[in-house]
Amino acid sequence: MRDILTLDRIQIEYADMRGPFIVVGAPQANALQDLLSREGFNFQILNHDFTDDVMFDLAPDTEAERLQRLLDAED
């Protein structure tokens, strides 16, 4: 089952978000990458083929906490 991450009126369907990792489907990867870049997040894409689920690593952990605060503020 997928959940929806909404930030800055952009909705991104994601498969998993645990700690500093967010896993999204390939169609959502570019949108998430653009969003994280625009918001100034420090992140790394752990698999680059963009054909299946794509894992983003928000490192350090404070980046994941900052994303969670942004998500909470959107609610």
Protein backbone atom coordinates (compact mmCIF):
# COMPACT_ATOMS: atom_id res chain seq x y z
CA MET A 1 0.00 0.00 0.00
CA ARG A 2 1.22 3.47 -0.86
CA ASP A 3 0.77 6.66 1.11
CA ILE A 4 0.70 10.22 -0.14
CA LEU A 5 3.29 12.78 0.88
CA THR A 6 1.99 16.32 0.32
CA LEU A 7 4.35 19.24 0.55
CA ASP A 8 3.97 22.66 -0.96
CA ARG A 9 0.79 21.47 -2.72
CA ILE A 10 2.76 18.72 -4.49
CA GLN A 11 1.54 15.20 -3.86
CA ILE A 12 4.03 12.35 -4.05
CA GLU A 13 3.01 8.75 -3.61
CA TYR A 14 5.56 6.86 -1.56
CA ALA A 15 5.96 3.24 -0.58
CA ASP A 16 7.90 3.65 2.63
CA MET A 17 9.36 6.37 4.82
CA ARG A 18 11.50 5.19 7.71
CA GLY A 19 14.05 7.34 9.40
CA PRO A 20 16.15 9.02 6.75
CA PHE A 21 14.88 6.86 3.86
CA ILE A 22 11.98 7.51 1.50
CA VAL A 23 11.07 4.97 -1.17
CA VAL A 24 8.96 6.19 -4.08
CA GLY A 25 7.84 4.69 -7.36
CA ALA A 26 9.87 5.64 -10.41
CA PRO A 27 7.19 8.01 -11.78
CA GLN A 28 7.34 10.00 -8.52
CA ALA A 29 11.14 10.11 -8.22
CA ASN A 30 11.71 13.19 -10.36
CA ALA A 31 9.02 15.14 -8.52
CA LEU A 32 10.51 14.23 -5.14
CA GLN A 33 14.03 15.01 -6.34
CA ASP A 34 12.90 18.44 -7.58
CA LEU A 35 11.02 19.12 -4.34
CA LEU A 36 13.92 18.13 -2.08
CA SER A 37 16.37 20.16 -4.18
CA ARG A 38 14.14 23.22 -4.17
CA GLU A 39 13.73 23.02 -0.38
CA GLY A 40 17.51 22.71 0.09
CA PHE A 41 17.58 19.19 1.51
CA ASN A 42 20.79 17.20 1.69
CA PHE A 43 19.95 13.86 0.09
CA GLN A 44 21.34 11.04 -1.99
CA ILE A 45 19.57 8.73 -4.45
CA LEU A 46 20.62 5.20 -3.60
CA ASN A 47 19.50 3.53 -6.82
CA HIS A 48 19.72 5.41 -10.07
CA ASP A 49 17.91 3.33 -12.69
CA PHE A 50 14.50 5.00 -12.13
CA THR A 51 12.74 1.90 -13.51
CA ASP A 52 11.33 0.59 -10.23
CA ASP A 53 11.06 2.01 -6.74
CA VAL A 54 13.71 4.61 -6.00
CA MET A 55 15.24 5.06 -2.54
CA PHE A 56 16.21 8.50 -1.32
CA ASP A 57 18.50 8.85 1.69
CA LEU A 58 18.05 12.08 3.63
CA ALA A 59 21.33 12.37 5.45
CA PRO A 60 22.06 13.32 8.12
CA ASP A 61 19.03 12.22 10.12
CA THR A 62 18.25 15.86 10.89
CA GLU A 63 17.13 16.21 7.27
CA ALA A 64 14.48 13.53 7.79
CA GLU A 65 13.36 15.35 10.93
CA ARG A 66 13.17 18.62 9.00
CA LEU A 67 11.07 16.95 6.29
CA GLN A 68 8.72 15.58 8.95
CA ARG A 69 8.32 19.07 10.45
CA LEU A 70 7.45 20.45 7.01
CA LEU A 71 4.91 17.67 6.49
CA ASP A 72 3.37 18.30 9.92
CA ALA A 73 3.07 22.00 9.13
CA GLU A 74 1.18 21.19 5.91
CA ASP A 75 -1.50 19.22 7.81
